[in-house]
Amino acid sequence: MNALSRQADRYVVIGNPIAHSMSPFIHADFAAQLGLPLQYERVLAPLNGFRQTVAALQAAGVKGANVTVPFKLDAFSIASELPNTLSTAAMFAQAVNTLKFNADGTVLADNTDGGGLCRDLARQLKTLGLRLDQCQVLMVGAGGAASGCVAAFQAAGIQHLTVLNRTVSKARELAERAEAIDLPAAGGALDTPPSHFEIPGAPVLIVNASSSSLKGDIPVLHADWYARAVLVYDMMYAAKPTPFIRSLHHQDLACSDGLGMLVFQAQLAFEVWTGQSPDALETLTKVRQALLAKAKQQ
């Protein structure tokens, strides 16, 4: 029996809004690479109806779901109730972006955002002759996006995590939570110099996990951080460079947006669902081309 003659397993991405999601494109490409029959669609859930939406999808035989804004906390709430299994990453972030609905009625809940980021960082560091576990991370922002990456940083063995945020108390709170899972960390204000927190000699990765690029803002960091950085990464992505990346054009720095993170976190979700791993780099090239083509049409 070939792939086309087998019944396609159903998967979805749930959000509100959801029409812009590139997840169907990504997962269709993954499935095509591996010859898997897979149906993937967008689901617009009412803002107060996530739980009912998930129950209806389970009843309809859907095998799994990606969860995006604004429902990641709702997904965690559902997954915290038995009989469900929460991954370490989801437990730390207290947010879920991947659900697997098992035949026995249990649900596996994961947060693949941080793992996706680490995979993208690792492949870019490789071109610089570096490994993630040799580096330290300066993370800008202390909200949900930042929290979703800490457990993955710990698992990847980074040397140290510095969290800088406009609200210093939030930065310190996240740093304390990181230390509680044995990741050396410290938190402070955006303009804190690296001399306060850095590990001497460890290359610095600057990761913008704040919403600044969505607002057109640029986080103002102490200049010495850039002098020590080997890579600057903005979790946001668009057809054109983000405001944060554009602000660094005059500096001789490797820079990246977060499109790779999007594709690699999807690869991790696909692995959770199917046990198979597609070529994320092949898909990333296609997604970038699709994003550019869509921008030209607008």
C-alpha atoms as a PDB file:
ATOM      1  CA  MET A   1       0.000   0.000   0.000  1.00  0.00           C
ATOM      2  CA  ASN A   2       1.536   3.301  -1.043  1.00  0.00           C
ATOM      3  CA  ALA A   3       1.410   6.583   0.881  1.00  0.00           C
ATOM      4  CA  LEU A   4      -1.379   8.012  -1.265  1.00  0.00           C
ATOM      5  CA  SER A   5      -3.690   5.051  -0.681  1.00  0.00           C
ATOM      6  CA  ARG A   6      -3.387   5.146   3.120  1.00  0.00           C
ATOM      7  CA  GLN A   7      -5.796   7.247   5.151  1.00  0.00           C
ATOM      8  CA  ALA A   8      -4.299  10.616   5.990  1.00  0.00           C
ATOM      9  CA  ASP A   9      -3.825  11.450   9.652  1.00  0.00           C
ATOM     10  CA  ARG A  10      -5.294  14.839  10.572  1.00  0.00           C
ATOM     11  CA  TYR A  11      -3.358  17.602  12.327  1.00  0.00           C
ATOM     12  CA  VAL A  12      -4.221  21.252  12.922  1.00  0.00           C
ATOM     13  CA  VAL A  13      -2.878  24.557  14.160  1.00  0.00           C
ATOM     14  CA  ILE A  14      -5.196  26.407  16.546  1.00  0.00           C
ATOM     15  CA  GLY A  15      -5.070  30.167  17.024  1.00  0.00           C
ATOM     16  CA  ASN A  16      -6.927  33.465  16.822  1.00  0.00           C
ATOM     17  CA  PRO A  17      -6.100  35.000  14.376  1.00  0.00           C
ATOM     18  CA  ILE A  18      -4.828  32.077  12.325  1.00  0.00           C
ATOM     19  CA  ALA A  19      -5.166  32.900   8.592  1.00  0.00           C
ATOM     20  CA  HIS A  20      -1.557  34.111   8.433  1.00  0.00           C
ATOM     21  CA  SER A  21      -0.054  30.871   9.801  1.00  0.00           C
ATOM     22  CA  MET A  22       2.599  29.219   7.637  1.00  0.00           C
ATOM     23  CA  SER A  23       2.302  25.933   9.540  1.00  0.00           C
ATOM     24  CA  PRO A  24       0.181  24.183   6.857  1.00  0.00           C
ATOM     25  CA  PHE A  25       2.855  24.993   4.252  1.00  0.00           C
ATOM     26  CA  ILE A  26       5.625  23.730   6.529  1.00  0.00           C
ATOM     27  CA  HIS A  27       3.986  20.479   7.594  1.00  0.00           C
ATOM     28  CA  ALA A  28       2.776  19.690   4.069  1.00  0.00           C
ATOM     29  CA  ASP A  29       6.386  19.933   2.921  1.00  0.00           C
ATOM     30  CA  PHE A  30       7.576  17.742   5.795  1.00  0.00           C
ATOM     31  CA  ALA A  31       5.003  15.086   4.923  1.00  0.00           C
ATOM     32  CA  ALA A  32       5.853  15.216   1.209  1.00  0.00           C
ATOM     33  CA  GLN A  33       9.547  14.694   1.960  1.00  0.00           C
ATOM     34  CA  LEU A  34       8.801  11.528   3.935  1.00  0.00           C
ATOM     35  CA  GLY A  35       5.943  10.239   1.795  1.00  0.00           C
ATOM     36  CA  LEU A  36       3.476  10.411   4.684  1.00  0.00           C
ATOM     37  CA  PRO A  37      -0.266  10.882   4.110  1.00  0.00           C
ATOM     38  CA  LEU A  38      -1.032  13.873   6.295  1.00  0.00           C
ATOM     39  CA  GLN A  39      -3.821  16.438   6.356  1.00  0.00           C
ATOM     40  CA  TYR A  40      -3.028  19.715   8.118  1.00  0.00           C
ATOM     41  CA  GLU A  41      -5.346  22.696   8.469  1.00  0.00           C
ATOM     42  CA  ARG A  42      -5.851  25.959  10.314  1.00  0.00           C
ATOM     43  CA  VAL A  43      -8.487  26.133  13.040  1.00  0.00           C
ATOM     44  CA  LEU A  44      -9.813  29.484  14.249  1.00  0.00           C
ATOM     45  CA  ALA A  45     -10.899  28.997  17.861  1.00  0.00           C
ATOM     46  CA  PRO A  46     -13.141  31.494  19.687  1.00  0.00           C
ATOM     47  CA  LEU A  47     -11.179  33.474  22.253  1.00  0.00           C
ATOM     48  CA  ASN A  48     -13.222  31.891  25.034  1.00  0.00           C
ATOM     49  CA  GLY A  49     -13.649  28.515  23.342  1.00  0.00           C
ATOM     50  CA  PHE A  50     -10.246  26.839  23.204  1.00  0.00           C
ATOM     51  CA  ARG A  51     -11.170  23.959  25.511  1.00  0.00           C
ATOM     52  CA  GLN A  52     -14.302  23.178  23.530  1.00  0.00           C
ATOM     53  CA  THR A  53     -12.344  23.366  20.277  1.00  0.00           C
ATOM     54  CA  VAL A  54      -9.759  20.854  21.515  1.00  0.00           C
ATOM     55  CA  ALA A  55     -12.486  18.482  22.740  1.00  0.00           C
ATOM     56  CA  ALA A  56     -14.219  18.619  19.348  1.00  0.00           C
ATOM     57  CA  LEU A  57     -10.961  17.946  17.508  1.00  0.00           C
ATOM     58  CA  GLN A  58     -10.204  14.943  19.713  1.00  0.00           C
ATOM     59  CA  ALA A  59     -13.694  13.586  19.153  1.00  0.00           C
ATOM     60  CA  ALA A  60     -13.228  13.996  15.399  1.00  0.00           C
ATOM     61  CA  GLY A  61     -10.101  11.846  15.470  1.00  0.00           C
ATOM     62  CA  VAL A  62      -7.497  14.565  14.965  1.00  0.00           C
ATOM     63  CA  LYS A  63      -4.076  13.161  15.900  1.00  0.00           C
ATOM     64  CA  GLY A  64      -2.394  16.345  17.095  1.00  0.00           C
ATOM     65  CA  ALA A  65      -2.368  20.118  17.183  1.00  0.00           C
ATOM     66  CA  ASN A  66       0.001  23.031  17.143  1.00  0.00           C
ATOM     67  CA  VAL A  67      -1.125  25.866  19.400  1.00  0.00           C
ATOM     68  CA  THR A  68      -0.327  29.495  18.767  1.00  0.00           C
ATOM     69  CA  VAL A  69      -1.317  32.932  20.087  1.00  0.00           C
ATOM     70  CA  PRO A  70      -3.274  33.435  22.290  1.00  0.00           C
ATOM     71  CA  PHE A  71      -3.901  29.868  23.459  1.00  0.00           C
ATOM     72  CA  LYS A  72      -0.556  28.509  24.700  1.00  0.00           C
ATOM     73  CA  LEU A  73      -1.483  29.149  28.329  1.00  0.00           C
ATOM     74  CA  ASP A  74      -4.909  27.574  27.804  1.00  0.00           C
ATOM     75  CA  ALA A  75      -3.234  24.514  26.326  1.00  0.00           C
ATOM     76  CA  PHE A  76      -1.013  24.255  29.384  1.00  0.00           C
ATOM     77  CA  SER A  77      -4.055  24.486  31.632  1.00  0.00           C
ATOM     78  CA  ILE A  78      -5.746  21.615  29.800  1.00  0.00           C
ATOM     79  CA  ALA A  79      -2.563  19.542  29.744  1.00  0.00           C
ATOM     80  CA  SER A  80      -2.061  20.023  33.486  1.00  0.00           C
ATOM     81  CA  GLU A  81      -5.155  17.922  34.090  1.00  0.00           C
ATOM     82  CA  LEU A  82      -4.890  14.142  34.137  1.00  0.00           C
ATOM     83  CA  PRO A  83      -4.618  11.964  32.127  1.00  0.00           C
ATOM     84  CA  ASN A  84      -2.009  14.025  30.310  1.00  0.00           C
ATOM     85  CA  THR A  85       1.766  14.168  30.099  1.00  0.00           C
ATOM     86  CA  LEU A  86       3.680  17.447  30.151  1.00  0.00           C
ATOM     87  CA  SER A  87       7.245  17.733  28.852  1.00  0.00           C
ATOM     88  CA  THR A  88       9.955  19.404  30.918  1.00  0.00           C
ATOM     89  CA  ALA A  89       9.990  22.356  28.515  1.00  0.00           C
ATOM     90  CA  ALA A  90       6.228  22.835  28.808  1.00  0.00           C
ATOM     91  CA  MET A  91       6.370  22.562  32.599  1.00  0.00           C
ATOM     92  CA  PHE A  92       9.018  25.276  32.842  1.00  0.00           C
ATOM     93  CA  ALA A  93       7.363  27.617  30.351  1.00  0.00           C
ATOM     94  CA  GLN A  94       3.877  26.866  31.697  1.00  0.00           C
ATOM     95  CA  ALA A  95       2.845  27.106  28.068  1.00  0.00           C
ATOM     96  CA  VAL A  96       2.175  24.462  25.400  1.00  0.00           C
ATOM     97  CA  ASN A  97       2.482  24.731  21.629  1.00  0.00           C
ATOM     98  CA  THR A  98       2.221  21.049  20.668  1.00  0.00           C
ATOM     99  CA  LEU A  99      -0.459  18.500  21.576  1.00  0.00           C
ATOM    100  CA  LYS A 100      -0.501  14.822  20.625  1.00  0.00           C
ATOM    101  CA  PHE A 101      -3.826  13.054  21.101  1.00  0.00           C
ATOM    102  CA  ASN A 102      -3.184   9.399  21.899  1.00  0.00           C
ATOM    103  CA  ALA A 103      -5.596   6.580  21.100  1.00  0.00           C
ATOM    104  CA  ASP A 104      -6.108   5.806  24.803  1.00  0.00           C
ATOM    105  CA  GLY A 105      -7.435   9.320  25.447  1.00  0.00           C
ATOM    106  CA  THR A 106      -4.268  10.706  27.005  1.00  0.00           C
ATOM    107  CA  VAL A 107      -2.595  13.839  25.674  1.00  0.00           C
ATOM    108  CA  LEU A 108       1.131  14.482  25.299  1.00  0.00           C
ATOM    109  CA  ALA A 109       1.849  18.204  25.687  1.00  0.00           C
ATOM    110  CA  ASP A 110       5.122  19.848  24.726  1.00  0.00           C
ATOM    111  CA  ASN A 111       6.681  23.237  24.103  1.00  0.00           C
ATOM    112  CA  THR A 112       8.988  23.019  21.098  1.00  0.00           C
ATOM    113  CA  ASP A 113       9.734  26.747  20.775  1.00  0.00           C
ATOM    114  CA  GLY A 114      12.975  26.675  22.772  1.00  0.00           C
ATOM    115  CA  GLY A 115      14.132  23.479  21.147  1.00  0.00           C
ATOM    116  CA  GLY A 116      13.466  24.987  17.732  1.00  0.00           C
ATOM    117  CA  LEU A 117      15.474  28.071  18.631  1.00  0.00           C
ATOM    118  CA  CYS A 118      18.391  25.948  19.872  1.00  0.00           C
ATOM    119  CA  ARG A 119      18.415  23.876  16.687  1.00  0.00           C
ATOM    120  CA  ASP A 120      18.550  27.029  14.583  1.00  0.00           C
ATOM    121  CA  LEU A 121      21.241  28.591  16.757  1.00  0.00           C
ATOM    122  CA  ALA A 122      23.287  25.385  16.618  1.00  0.00           C
ATOM    123  CA  ARG A 123      23.223  25.164  12.828  1.00  0.00           C
ATOM    124  CA  GLN A 124      24.243  28.822  12.487  1.00  0.00           C
ATOM    125  CA  LEU A 125      26.988  28.508  15.099  1.00  0.00           C
ATOM    126  CA  LYS A 126      28.362  25.513  13.212  1.00  0.00           C
ATOM    127  CA  THR A 127      29.191  27.799  10.285  1.00  0.00           C
ATOM    128  CA  LEU A 128      31.225  29.888  12.747  1.00  0.00           C
ATOM    129  CA  GLY A 129      33.064  26.852  14.095  1.00  0.00           C
ATOM    130  CA  LEU A 130      31.231  27.016  17.438  1.00  0.00           C
ATOM    131  CA  ARG A 131      28.876  24.860  19.501  1.00  0.00           C
ATOM    132  CA  LEU A 132      25.967  26.030  21.612  1.00  0.00           C
ATOM    133  CA  ASP A 133      27.468  24.576  24.785  1.00  0.00           C
ATOM    134  CA  GLN A 134      30.521  26.811  24.361  1.00  0.00           C
ATOM    135  CA  CYS A 135      28.410  29.964  24.414  1.00  0.00           C
ATOM    136  CA  GLN A 136      26.504  32.190  26.790  1.00  0.00           C
ATOM    137  CA  VAL A 137      23.186  33.824  25.925  1.00  0.00           C
ATOM    138  CA  LEU A 138      21.999  37.376  26.476  1.00  0.00           C
ATOM    139  CA  MET A 139      18.222  37.235  26.187  1.00  0.00           C
ATOM    140  CA  VAL A 140      16.284  40.471  25.760  1.00  0.00           C
ATOM    141  CA  GLY A 141      12.822  40.152  27.258  1.00  0.00           C
ATOM    142  CA  ALA A 142      11.366  38.142  30.115  1.00  0.00           C
ATOM    143  CA  GLY A 143       7.885  37.267  28.876  1.00  0.00           C
ATOM    144  CA  GLY A 144       6.382  34.080  27.497  1.00  0.00           C
ATOM    145  CA  ALA A 145       8.681  33.829  24.475  1.00  0.00           C
ATOM    146  CA  ALA A 146      11.742  34.106  26.697  1.00  0.00           C
ATOM    147  CA  SER A 147      10.401  31.687  29.291  1.00  0.00           C
ATOM    148  CA  GLY A 148       9.714  29.143  26.577  1.00  0.00           C
ATOM    149  CA  CYS A 149      13.420  28.888  25.756  1.00  0.00           C
ATOM    150  CA  VAL A 150      15.048  28.506  29.168  1.00  0.00           C
ATOM    151  CA  ALA A 151      14.609  24.752  29.603  1.00  0.00           C
ATOM    152  CA  ALA A 152      16.023  24.207  26.106  1.00  0.00           C
ATOM    153  CA  PHE A 153      19.040  26.384  26.934  1.00  0.00           C
ATOM    154  CA  GLN A 154      19.638  24.289  30.039  1.00  0.00           C
ATOM    155  CA  ALA A 155      19.342  21.053  28.055  1.00  0.00           C
ATOM    156  CA  ALA A 156      21.753  22.415  25.426  1.00  0.00           C
ATOM    157  CA  GLY A 157      24.339  23.145  28.108  1.00  0.00           C
ATOM    158  CA  ILE A 158      24.873  26.856  27.525  1.00  0.00           C
ATOM    159  CA  GLN A 159      27.439  28.409  29.847  1.00  0.00           C
ATOM    160  CA  HIS A 160      25.305  31.230  31.275  1.00  0.00           C
ATOM    161  CA  LEU A 161      22.029  33.043  30.666  1.00  0.00           C
ATOM    162  CA  THR A 162      21.644  36.786  31.129  1.00  0.00           C
ATOM    163  CA  VAL A 163      18.080  38.114  31.026  1.00  0.00           C
ATOM    164  CA  LEU A 164      17.677  41.855  30.461  1.00  0.00           C
ATOM    165  CA  ASN A 165      14.280  43.512  30.505  1.00  0.00           C
ATOM    166  CA  ARG A 166      12.641  46.911  30.895  1.00  0.00           C
ATOM    167  CA  THR A 167      10.950  45.610  34.045  1.00  0.00           C
ATOM    168  CA  VAL A 168      13.975  44.445  36.002  1.00  0.00           C
ATOM    169  CA  SER A 169      11.978  42.414  38.522  1.00  0.00           C
ATOM    170  CA  LYS A 170      10.695  40.167  35.722  1.00  0.00           C
ATOM    171  CA  ALA A 171      14.229  39.632  34.416  1.00  0.00           C
ATOM    172  CA  ARG A 172      15.454  38.645  37.849  1.00  0.00           C
ATOM    173  CA  GLU A 173      12.491  36.372  38.455  1.00  0.00           C
ATOM    174  CA  LEU A 174      13.118  34.461  35.210  1.00  0.00           C
ATOM    175  CA  ALA A 175      16.833  34.240  36.023  1.00  0.00           C
ATOM    176  CA  GLU A 176      16.010  32.782  39.435  1.00  0.00           C
ATOM    177  CA  ARG A 177      13.763  30.193  37.816  1.00  0.00           C
ATOM    178  CA  ALA A 178      16.585  29.293  35.427  1.00  0.00           C
ATOM    179  CA  GLU A 179      18.979  28.856  38.338  1.00  0.00           C
ATOM    180  CA  ALA A 180      16.443  26.526  39.973  1.00  0.00           C
ATOM    181  CA  ILE A 181      16.922  24.093  37.047  1.00  0.00           C
ATOM    182  CA  ASP A 182      20.734  24.407  37.285  1.00  0.00           C
ATOM    183  CA  LEU A 183      21.239  26.947  34.519  1.00  0.00           C
ATOM    184  CA  PRO A 184      23.589  29.714  35.742  1.00  0.00           C
ATOM    185  CA  ALA A 185      21.707  32.958  35.183  1.00  0.00           C
ATOM    186  CA  ALA A 186      21.314  36.591  36.177  1.00  0.00           C
ATOM    187  CA  GLY A 187      18.807  39.334  35.403  1.00  0.00           C
ATOM    188  CA  GLY A 188      19.012  43.082  35.057  1.00  0.00           C
ATOM    189  CA  ALA A 189      18.047  46.241  33.189  1.00  0.00           C
ATOM    190  CA  LEU A 190      18.438  46.644  29.423  1.00  0.00           C
ATOM    191  CA  ASP A 191      21.429  48.956  29.757  1.00  0.00           C
ATOM    192  CA  THR A 192      23.375  46.663  32.093  1.00  0.00           C
ATOM    193  CA  PRO A 193      26.941  46.158  30.777  1.00  0.00           C
ATOM    194  CA  PRO A 194      28.269  42.637  30.200  1.00  0.00           C
ATOM    195  CA  SER A 195      30.930  43.089  32.866  1.00  0.00           C
ATOM    196  CA  HIS A 196      28.179  42.558  35.466  1.00  0.00           C
ATOM    197  CA  PHE A 197      27.097  39.126  34.283  1.00  0.00           C
ATOM    198  CA  GLU A 198      29.128  37.602  31.467  1.00  0.00           C
ATOM    199  CA  ILE A 199      31.355  34.544  31.631  1.00  0.00           C
ATOM    200  CA  PRO A 200      34.799  35.788  30.458  1.00  0.00           C
ATOM    201  CA  GLY A 201      35.864  34.123  27.221  1.00  0.00           C
ATOM    202  CA  ALA A 202      32.523  32.489  26.370  1.00  0.00           C
ATOM    203  CA  PRO A 203      31.098  33.747  23.039  1.00  0.00           C
ATOM    204  CA  VAL A 204      27.898  35.766  23.422  1.00  0.00           C
ATOM    205  CA  LEU A 205      24.658  35.038  21.591  1.00  0.00           C
ATOM    206  CA  ILE A 206      22.199  37.939  21.725  1.00  0.00           C
ATOM    207  CA  VAL A 207      18.582  36.734  21.420  1.00  0.00           C
ATOM    208  CA  ASN A 208      15.765  39.253  21.185  1.00  0.00           C
ATOM    209  CA  ALA A 209      12.767  37.528  22.753  1.00  0.00           C
ATOM    210  CA  SER A 210      10.869  40.765  23.325  1.00  0.00           C
ATOM    211  CA  SER A 211       8.019  42.099  21.218  1.00  0.00           C
ATOM    212  CA  SER A 212      10.043  45.167  20.216  1.00  0.00           C
ATOM    213  CA  SER A 213      10.236  44.298  16.517  1.00  0.00           C
ATOM    214  CA  LEU A 214       6.457  43.920  16.326  1.00  0.00           C
ATOM    215  CA  LYS A 215       6.160  47.455  17.635  1.00  0.00           C
ATOM    216  CA  GLY A 216       8.969  48.833  15.475  1.00  0.00           C
ATOM    217  CA  ASP A 217      11.086  49.472  18.553  1.00  0.00           C
ATOM    218  CA  ILE A 218      14.756  48.661  19.102  1.00  0.00           C
ATOM    219  CA  PRO A 219      16.037  47.480  22.501  1.00  0.00           C
ATOM    220  CA  VAL A 220      18.840  49.743  23.699  1.00  0.00           C
ATOM    221  CA  LEU A 221      21.616  47.513  25.018  1.00  0.00           C
ATOM    222  CA  HIS A 222      25.031  48.455  26.350  1.00  0.00           C
ATOM    223  CA  ALA A 223      27.421  48.651  23.366  1.00  0.00           C
ATOM    224  CA  ASP A 224      29.865  46.229  24.961  1.00  0.00           C
ATOM    225  CA  TRP A 225      27.434  43.358  24.422  1.00  0.00           C
ATOM    226  CA  TYR A 226      27.750  43.776  20.659  1.00  0.00           C
ATOM    227  CA  ALA A 227      31.537  43.925  20.926  1.00  0.00           C
ATOM    228  CA  ARG A 228      31.444  40.443  22.501  1.00  0.00           C
ATOM    229  CA  ALA A 229      28.692  38.911  20.362  1.00  0.00           C
ATOM    230  CA  VAL A 230      29.215  36.301  17.653  1.00  0.00           C
ATOM    231  CA  LEU A 231      25.551  36.134  16.617  1.00  0.00           C
ATOM    232  CA  VAL A 232      22.499  38.355  17.060  1.00  0.00           C
ATOM    233  CA  TYR A 233      19.115  36.629  16.732  1.00  0.00           C
ATOM    234  CA  ASP A 234      15.651  38.199  16.602  1.00  0.00           C
ATOM    235  CA  MET A 235      12.790  35.754  17.224  1.00  0.00           C
ATOM    236  CA  MET A 236      10.533  37.873  14.998  1.00  0.00           C
ATOM    237  CA  TYR A 237      10.641  37.371  11.226  1.00  0.00           C
ATOM    238  CA  ALA A 238       9.383  39.063   8.087  1.00  0.00           C
ATOM    239  CA  ALA A 239      10.230  39.261   4.402  1.00  0.00           C
ATOM    240  CA  LYS A 240      12.480  42.218   5.217  1.00  0.00           C
ATOM    241  CA  PRO A 241      14.949  42.435   8.118  1.00  0.00           C
ATOM    242  CA  THR A 242      13.347  43.323  11.445  1.00  0.00           C
ATOM    243  CA  PRO A 243      13.957  46.770  12.979  1.00  0.00           C
ATOM    244  CA  PHE A 244      16.395  45.235  15.463  1.00  0.00           C
ATOM    245  CA  ILE A 245      18.422  43.536  12.718  1.00  0.00           C
ATOM    246  CA  ARG A 246      18.355  46.686  10.564  1.00  0.00           C
ATOM    247  CA  SER A 247      19.738  48.702  13.464  1.00  0.00           C
ATOM    248  CA  LEU A 248      22.897  46.562  13.381  1.00  0.00           C
ATOM    249  CA  HIS A 249      23.696  46.932   9.679  1.00  0.00           C
ATOM    250  CA  HIS A 250      26.765  49.039  10.406  1.00  0.00           C
ATOM    251  CA  GLN A 251      28.278  46.411  12.680  1.00  0.00           C
ATOM    252  CA  ASP A 252      30.254  43.409  11.465  1.00  0.00           C
ATOM    253  CA  LEU A 253      27.943  40.900  13.126  1.00  0.00           C
ATOM    254  CA  ALA A 254      26.229  37.706  12.031  1.00  0.00           C
ATOM    255  CA  CYS A 255      22.476  38.368  12.331  1.00  0.00           C
ATOM    256  CA  SER A 256      19.379  36.228  11.909  1.00  0.00           C
ATOM    257  CA  ASP A 257      15.634  36.550  12.154  1.00  0.00           C
ATOM    258  CA  GLY A 258      13.417  33.877  13.698  1.00  0.00           C
ATOM    259  CA  LEU A 259      12.142  32.102  10.588  1.00  0.00           C
ATOM    260  CA  GLY A 260      14.484  29.193  11.254  1.00  0.00           C
ATOM    261  CA  MET A 261      13.103  28.901  14.770  1.00  0.00           C
ATOM    262  CA  LEU A 262       9.593  28.624  13.291  1.00  0.00           C
ATOM    263  CA  VAL A 263      10.610  25.772  10.991  1.00  0.00           C
ATOM    264  CA  PHE A 264      12.721  23.906  13.534  1.00  0.00           C
ATOM    265  CA  GLN A 265      10.045  24.049  16.232  1.00  0.00           C
ATOM    266  CA  ALA A 266       7.668  22.609  13.644  1.00  0.00           C
ATOM    267  CA  GLN A 267      10.210  19.855  12.923  1.00  0.00           C
ATOM    268  CA  LEU A 268      10.226  18.974  16.627  1.00  0.00           C
ATOM    269  CA  ALA A 269       6.419  18.878  16.718  1.00  0.00           C
ATOM    270  CA  PHE A 270       6.413  16.646  13.638  1.00  0.00           C
ATOM    271  CA  GLU A 271       8.815  14.300  15.415  1.00  0.00           C
ATOM    272  CA  VAL A 272       6.528  14.196  18.470  1.00  0.00           C
ATOM    273  CA  TRP A 273       3.566  13.262  16.268  1.00  0.00           C
ATOM    274  CA  THR A 274       5.127  10.837  13.794  1.00  0.00           C
ATOM    275  CA  GLY A 275       8.470   9.699  15.209  1.00  0.00           C
ATOM    276  CA  GLN A 276      10.101  10.790  11.938  1.00  0.00           C
ATOM    277  CA  SER A 277      12.336  13.791  11.241  1.00  0.00           C
ATOM    278  CA  PRO A 278      12.101  15.741   7.974  1.00  0.00           C
ATOM    279  CA  ASP A 279      14.856  17.928   6.527  1.00  0.00           C
ATOM    280  CA  ALA A 280      14.098  21.300   8.131  1.00  0.00           C
ATOM    281  CA  LEU A 281      16.712  23.172   6.090  1.00  0.00           C
ATOM    282  CA  GLU A 282      15.086  22.090   2.826  1.00  0.00           C
ATOM    283  CA  THR A 283      11.747  23.359   4.112  1.00  0.00           C
ATOM    284  CA  LEU A 284      13.266  26.555   5.496  1.00  0.00           C
ATOM    285  CA  THR A 285      14.516  27.496   2.024  1.00  0.00           C
ATOM    286  CA  LYS A 286      11.018  27.028   0.593  1.00  0.00           C
ATOM    287  CA  VAL A 287       9.369  28.978   3.410  1.00  0.00           C
ATOM    288  CA  ARG A 288      11.755  31.894   2.924  1.00  0.00           C
ATOM    289  CA  GLN A 289      10.994  31.924  -0.802  1.00  0.00           C
ATOM    290  CA  ALA A 290       7.252  31.809  -0.123  1.00  0.00           C
ATOM    291  CA  LEU A 291       7.526  34.692   2.356  1.00  0.00           C
ATOM    292  CA  LEU A 292       9.412  36.817  -0.155  1.00  0.00           C
ATOM    293  CA  ALA A 293       6.963  35.983  -2.951  1.00  0.00           C
ATOM    294  CA  LYS A 294       3.990  36.902  -0.761  1.00  0.00           C
ATOM    295  CA  ALA A 295       5.608  40.223   0.150  1.00  0.00           C
ATOM    296  CA  LYS A 296       6.098  41.088  -3.529  1.00  0.00           C
ATOM    297  CA  GLN A 297       2.390  40.481  -4.186  1.00  0.00           C
ATOM    298  CA  GLN A 298       1.295  42.892  -1.462  1.00  0.00           C
END
